[in-house]
Structure formats: C-alpha cells, structure tokens
Amino acid sequence: MTLAVRTMISLVLAFAPGLAGAQGIDPDDDKTVIFTPGDPEMAAATAKALASLDEFLALSEAPPSGTDRFKLKVKVRDGNVTEHFWVIPFRRTETGFVGILANQPEEVQSVVLGQNIEFTRNDISDWGYTRDGRQVGSFTVCVMFKKMSKEEADYMRDKYGFDC
C-alpha cells in the first residue's frame, strides 16, 4: 500500500527567533503539507538541498556574523509512515548527528516534540538558516507554499522572511 509522506512545516518553531517550546505557539502557524512519495517538485527541492549540504554544514560550524537558526530537516520512519521534521539545534556526532525535534508528530508515534533524536546524513532532506533576518535554504518549504492558499503562503513568506 502506498502511503503519503507526511512533510512537516512548523514555521513558528523552525523560523521564529530562539528555540520555541510547546507553550506560546500559534497553532495557526503550524502547518502540515502532504506529498506523495516521489513528488517531482519535492524530490527536486530535496536534491538541491543535498547537493549543497556540505557547504551548509561547514557554514553551521563557523557561522558568519548575521547568521543564526541553523536547522536540518530529517525523515523519521515508523513502520510504513514517514514524516519529515525540523531539528533545531543540531550537532555532529561520531556516528552522524543529534538534535532536538522541533515539530509535533502527526503520524509517527516513535518520537515527540522536543525529543533529542539521533540521525544520519541519509535521513536529511533539507537544511536552512537565517541571514540578516531572511531565510536561506529551506528548499522544501518553498515547494510547500505551492500547496497552500495564496494568502496563507504570502503570510508565511512575509512573517518568516522567505524569498521564494
């Protein structure tokens, strides 16, 4: 059976200043967008992110002035279900990476918001950070905007500094 890939977009957590906790989050800004496996636009966005992942990781280890909120989007599998989550902050380990899950799971039951998770490079599907208050990277988010209403997408672009 083909199951939809659940792709999480939690813009409040991923793009607002500071690491947000569960309290104080505007639930209207926490969006889930569903894509089927193999969606060509999402696959292209992921490929673009992965092609520049090494440069992003190097930048995150020595952030220039005016940059912050370095984040990785990772896939978490739970049986036949896969969801993608932002991990903020993250750090490298001997075997991969570790970081804090910054989205509320909807389908995956093996993780929870705020949990420290370990993952490998093969689990990464996107990256992003802010430079002078504008988003850099976050390629999959730009694809998600196409599935939102124009008003909703414009609101997110303006509020969180997207140029896509």
C-alpha atoms as a PDB file:
ATOM      1  CA  MET A   1       0.000   0.000   0.000  1.00  0.00           C
ATOM      2  CA  THR A   2       1.350   3.435  -0.935  1.00  0.00           C
ATOM      3  CA  LEU A   3       1.284   5.830   1.989  1.00  0.00           C
ATOM      4  CA  ALA A   4       1.642   9.577   1.740  1.00  0.00           C
ATOM      5  CA  VAL A   5       4.866  11.018   3.010  1.00  0.00           C
ATOM      6  CA  ARG A   6       3.991  13.427   5.796  1.00  0.00           C
ATOM      7  CA  THR A   7       6.102  16.536   5.424  1.00  0.00           C
ATOM      8  CA  MET A   8       6.057  18.847   8.394  1.00  0.00           C
ATOM      9  CA  ILE A   9       6.282  22.580   8.212  1.00  0.00           C
ATOM     10  CA  SER A  10       6.406  24.145  11.607  1.00  0.00           C
ATOM     11  CA  LEU A  11       7.359  27.672  10.736  1.00  0.00           C
ATOM     12  CA  VAL A  12       6.922  29.018  14.233  1.00  0.00           C
ATOM     13  CA  LEU A  13       9.460  26.578  15.594  1.00  0.00           C
ATOM     14  CA  ALA A  14      11.750  26.463  12.608  1.00  0.00           C
ATOM     15  CA  PHE A  15      11.910  30.131  11.744  1.00  0.00           C
ATOM     16  CA  ALA A  16      10.976  32.249  14.744  1.00  0.00           C
ATOM     17  CA  PRO A  17      13.812  33.655  16.878  1.00  0.00           C
ATOM     18  CA  GLY A  18      15.033  31.383  19.645  1.00  0.00           C
ATOM     19  CA  LEU A  19      14.117  27.770  20.246  1.00  0.00           C
ATOM     20  CA  ALA A  20      10.389  27.732  20.828  1.00  0.00           C
ATOM     21  CA  GLY A  21       8.868  25.415  23.345  1.00  0.00           C
ATOM     22  CA  ALA A  22       5.418  23.893  23.247  1.00  0.00           C
ATOM     23  CA  GLN A  23       3.868  26.875  25.006  1.00  0.00           C
ATOM     24  CA  GLY A  24       3.233  30.166  23.243  1.00  0.00           C
ATOM     25  CA  ILE A  25       2.987  28.657  19.775  1.00  0.00           C
ATOM     26  CA  ASP A  26       0.312  29.959  17.473  1.00  0.00           C
ATOM     27  CA  PRO A  27      -1.307  26.739  16.214  1.00  0.00           C
ATOM     28  CA  ASP A  28      -2.409  28.545  13.061  1.00  0.00           C
ATOM     29  CA  ASP A  29       1.255  28.782  12.016  1.00  0.00           C
ATOM     30  CA  ASP A  30       1.988  25.051  12.447  1.00  0.00           C
ATOM     31  CA  LYS A  31       1.153  23.540   9.061  1.00  0.00           C
ATOM     32  CA  THR A  32       1.324  20.025   7.693  1.00  0.00           C
ATOM     33  CA  VAL A  33       1.515  19.545   3.964  1.00  0.00           C
ATOM     34  CA  ILE A  34       1.171  16.064   2.475  1.00  0.00           C
ATOM     35  CA  PHE A  35       3.154  14.921  -0.542  1.00  0.00           C
ATOM     36  CA  THR A  36       3.056  11.535  -2.183  1.00  0.00           C
ATOM     37  CA  PRO A  37       6.333   9.616  -2.381  1.00  0.00           C
ATOM     38  CA  GLY A  38       8.252  10.630  -5.472  1.00  0.00           C
ATOM     39  CA  ASP A  39       6.581  14.037  -5.897  1.00  0.00           C
ATOM     40  CA  PRO A  40       8.834  15.596  -8.576  1.00  0.00           C
ATOM     41  CA  GLU A  41       8.946  19.122  -7.114  1.00  0.00           C
ATOM     42  CA  MET A  42       9.682  17.867  -3.615  1.00  0.00           C
ATOM     43  CA  ALA A  43      12.318  15.461  -4.979  1.00  0.00           C
ATOM     44  CA  ALA A  44      13.986  18.351  -6.852  1.00  0.00           C
ATOM     45  CA  ALA A  45      13.976  20.541  -3.726  1.00  0.00           C
ATOM     46  CA  THR A  46      15.500  17.742  -1.664  1.00  0.00           C
ATOM     47  CA  ALA A  47      18.137  17.096  -4.342  1.00  0.00           C
ATOM     48  CA  LYS A  48      19.033  20.805  -4.353  1.00  0.00           C
ATOM     49  CA  ALA A  49      19.385  20.802  -0.567  1.00  0.00           C
ATOM     50  CA  LEU A  50      21.506  17.657  -0.517  1.00  0.00           C
ATOM     51  CA  ALA A  51      23.769  18.947  -3.301  1.00  0.00           C
ATOM     52  CA  SER A  52      24.744  21.885  -1.078  1.00  0.00           C
ATOM     53  CA  LEU A  53      24.650  20.087   2.282  1.00  0.00           C
ATOM     54  CA  ASP A  54      28.435  20.031   2.785  1.00  0.00           C
ATOM     55  CA  GLU A  55      28.672  23.806   2.330  1.00  0.00           C
ATOM     56  CA  PHE A  56      25.781  24.309   4.763  1.00  0.00           C
ATOM     57  CA  LEU A  57      27.351  22.032   7.390  1.00  0.00           C
ATOM     58  CA  ALA A  58      30.688  23.856   7.109  1.00  0.00           C
ATOM     59  CA  LEU A  59      28.901  27.206   7.485  1.00  0.00           C
ATOM     60  CA  SER A  60      26.951  25.955  10.515  1.00  0.00           C
ATOM     61  CA  GLU A  61      30.199  25.022  12.261  1.00  0.00           C
ATOM     62  CA  ALA A  62      31.643  28.530  11.832  1.00  0.00           C
ATOM     63  CA  PRO A  63      28.615  30.822  11.418  1.00  0.00           C
ATOM     64  CA  PRO A  64      29.401  34.247   9.971  1.00  0.00           C
ATOM     65  CA  SER A  65      28.058  37.380  11.610  1.00  0.00           C
ATOM     66  CA  GLY A  66      24.356  37.942  10.929  1.00  0.00           C
ATOM     67  CA  THR A  67      23.510  34.224  10.599  1.00  0.00           C
ATOM     68  CA  ASP A  68      21.628  32.023  13.043  1.00  0.00           C
ATOM     69  CA  ARG A  69      18.881  29.398  13.415  1.00  0.00           C
ATOM     70  CA  PHE A  70      20.790  26.647  11.600  1.00  0.00           C
ATOM     71  CA  LYS A  71      18.446  23.690  11.154  1.00  0.00           C
ATOM     72  CA  LEU A  72      18.169  20.351   9.414  1.00  0.00           C
ATOM     73  CA  LYS A  73      15.039  18.637   8.160  1.00  0.00           C
ATOM     74  CA  VAL A  74      15.176  14.887   8.741  1.00  0.00           C
ATOM     75  CA  LYS A  75      12.910  11.991   7.945  1.00  0.00           C
ATOM     76  CA  VAL A  76      11.712   9.713  10.697  1.00  0.00           C
ATOM     77  CA  ARG A  77      10.199   6.357   9.799  1.00  0.00           C
ATOM     78  CA  ASP A  78       7.724   4.493  11.951  1.00  0.00           C
ATOM     79  CA  GLY A  79       6.632   1.304  10.201  1.00  0.00           C
ATOM     80  CA  ASN A  80       5.144   2.313   6.841  1.00  0.00           C
ATOM     81  CA  VAL A  81       4.837   6.000   7.772  1.00  0.00           C
ATOM     82  CA  THR A  82       7.473   8.671   7.180  1.00  0.00           C
ATOM     83  CA  GLU A  83       7.343  12.238   8.456  1.00  0.00           C
ATOM     84  CA  HIS A  84       9.895  14.987   7.959  1.00  0.00           C
ATOM     85  CA  PHE A  85      10.771  17.212  10.913  1.00  0.00           C
ATOM     86  CA  TRP A  86      12.977  20.206  11.538  1.00  0.00           C
ATOM     87  CA  VAL A  87      15.737  19.571  14.059  1.00  0.00           C
ATOM     88  CA  ILE A  88      16.860  22.700  15.917  1.00  0.00           C
ATOM     89  CA  PRO A  89      19.564  22.892  17.163  1.00  0.00           C
ATOM     90  CA  PHE A  90      21.698  20.035  15.900  1.00  0.00           C
ATOM     91  CA  ARG A  91      25.306  18.943  16.184  1.00  0.00           C
ATOM     92  CA  ARG A  92      27.562  16.351  14.616  1.00  0.00           C
ATOM     93  CA  THR A  93      28.465  13.187  16.483  1.00  0.00           C
ATOM     94  CA  GLU A  94      30.890  10.365  15.724  1.00  0.00           C
ATOM     95  CA  THR A  95      28.116   8.400  14.007  1.00  0.00           C
ATOM     96  CA  GLY A  96      26.020  11.189  12.465  1.00  0.00           C
ATOM     97  CA  PHE A  97      24.021  13.936  14.136  1.00  0.00           C
ATOM     98  CA  VAL A  98      21.885  14.640  17.172  1.00  0.00           C
ATOM     99  CA  GLY A  99      19.365  17.408  17.766  1.00  0.00           C
ATOM    100  CA  ILE A 100      16.009  18.432  19.149  1.00  0.00           C
ATOM    101  CA  LEU A 101      12.836  17.571  17.225  1.00  0.00           C
ATOM    102  CA  ALA A 102      11.079  20.900  16.593  1.00  0.00           C
ATOM    103  CA  ASN A 103       7.732  19.695  15.206  1.00  0.00           C
ATOM    104  CA  GLN A 104       4.741  17.929  16.688  1.00  0.00           C
ATOM    105  CA  PRO A 105       4.406  14.485  15.049  1.00  0.00           C
ATOM    106  CA  GLU A 106       1.061  13.703  13.476  1.00  0.00           C
ATOM    107  CA  GLU A 107       1.533  10.163  12.186  1.00  0.00           C
ATOM    108  CA  VAL A 108       4.862   8.914  13.511  1.00  0.00           C
ATOM    109  CA  GLN A 109       4.483   7.592  17.054  1.00  0.00           C
ATOM    110  CA  SER A 110       8.150   6.839  17.800  1.00  0.00           C
ATOM    111  CA  VAL A 111       9.166  10.456  18.529  1.00  0.00           C
ATOM    112  CA  VAL A 112       7.731  13.501  20.317  1.00  0.00           C
ATOM    113  CA  LEU A 113       8.163  17.266  20.093  1.00  0.00           C
ATOM    114  CA  GLY A 114      11.273  18.371  21.987  1.00  0.00           C
ATOM    115  CA  GLN A 115      12.872  14.926  21.958  1.00  0.00           C
ATOM    116  CA  ASN A 116      16.605  14.582  21.360  1.00  0.00           C
ATOM    117  CA  ILE A 117      16.951  12.392  18.264  1.00  0.00           C
ATOM    118  CA  GLU A 118      19.941  10.818  16.557  1.00  0.00           C
ATOM    119  CA  PHE A 119      20.058  10.604  12.775  1.00  0.00           C
ATOM    120  CA  THR A 120      22.457  10.094   9.912  1.00  0.00           C
ATOM    121  CA  ARG A 121      23.231  12.051   6.781  1.00  0.00           C
ATOM    122  CA  ASN A 122      20.941   9.670   4.870  1.00  0.00           C
ATOM    123  CA  ASP A 123      17.987  10.941   6.928  1.00  0.00           C
ATOM    124  CA  ILE A 124      18.500  14.604   5.957  1.00  0.00           C
ATOM    125  CA  SER A 125      16.070  16.063   3.408  1.00  0.00           C
ATOM    126  CA  ASP A 126      16.653  19.818   3.749  1.00  0.00           C
ATOM    127  CA  TRP A 127      18.583  22.496   5.603  1.00  0.00           C
ATOM    128  CA  GLY A 128      18.122  26.164   6.385  1.00  0.00           C
ATOM    129  CA  TYR A 129      19.228  29.161   8.406  1.00  0.00           C
ATOM    130  CA  THR A 130      18.595  32.880   8.647  1.00  0.00           C
ATOM    131  CA  ARG A 131      20.926  35.570   7.357  1.00  0.00           C
ATOM    132  CA  ASP A 132      20.093  39.109   8.370  1.00  0.00           C
ATOM    133  CA  GLY A 133      16.518  38.036   9.133  1.00  0.00           C
ATOM    134  CA  ARG A 134      15.903  36.340   5.758  1.00  0.00           C
ATOM    135  CA  GLN A 135      15.625  32.606   5.115  1.00  0.00           C
ATOM    136  CA  VAL A 136      18.412  30.802   3.286  1.00  0.00           C
ATOM    137  CA  GLY A 137      17.828  27.232   2.098  1.00  0.00           C
ATOM    138  CA  SER A 138      14.616  25.575   3.300  1.00  0.00           C
ATOM    139  CA  PHE A 139      14.025  24.452  -0.272  1.00  0.00           C
ATOM    140  CA  THR A 140      11.195  22.077   0.627  1.00  0.00           C
ATOM    141  CA  VAL A 141       9.265  24.872   2.341  1.00  0.00           C
ATOM    142  CA  CYS A 142       9.179  26.810  -0.934  1.00  0.00           C
ATOM    143  CA  VAL A 143       7.568  23.780  -2.597  1.00  0.00           C
ATOM    144  CA  MET A 144       5.017  23.554   0.231  1.00  0.00           C
ATOM    145  CA  PHE A 145       3.924  27.132  -0.380  1.00  0.00           C
ATOM    146  CA  LYS A 146       2.544  25.981  -3.740  1.00  0.00           C
ATOM    147  CA  LYS A 147       0.058  23.717  -1.944  1.00  0.00           C
ATOM    148  CA  MET A 148      -1.169  26.471   0.384  1.00  0.00           C
ATOM    149  CA  SER A 149      -3.647  29.198  -0.413  1.00  0.00           C
ATOM    150  CA  LYS A 150      -2.040  32.358  -1.810  1.00  0.00           C
ATOM    151  CA  GLU A 151      -2.996  34.264   1.324  1.00  0.00           C
ATOM    152  CA  GLU A 152      -1.516  31.647   3.638  1.00  0.00           C
ATOM    153  CA  ALA A 153       1.710  31.353   1.625  1.00  0.00           C
ATOM    154  CA  ASP A 154       2.109  35.149   1.410  1.00  0.00           C
ATOM    155  CA  TYR A 155       1.593  35.426   5.171  1.00  0.00           C
ATOM    156  CA  MET A 156       4.281  32.816   5.844  1.00  0.00           C
ATOM    157  CA  ARG A 157       6.692  34.385   3.351  1.00  0.00           C
ATOM    158  CA  ASP A 158       6.282  37.821   4.915  1.00  0.00           C
ATOM    159  CA  LYS A 159       6.296  36.704   8.536  1.00  0.00           C
ATOM    160  CA  TYR A 160       9.309  34.399   8.297  1.00  0.00           C
ATOM    161  CA  GLY A 161      11.427  36.049   5.616  1.00  0.00           C
ATOM    162  CA  PHE A 162      11.156  33.728   2.615  1.00  0.00           C
ATOM    163  CA  ASP A 163      12.129  34.934  -0.839  1.00  0.00           C
ATOM    164  CA  CYS A 164      10.503  32.098  -2.754  1.00  0.00           C
END
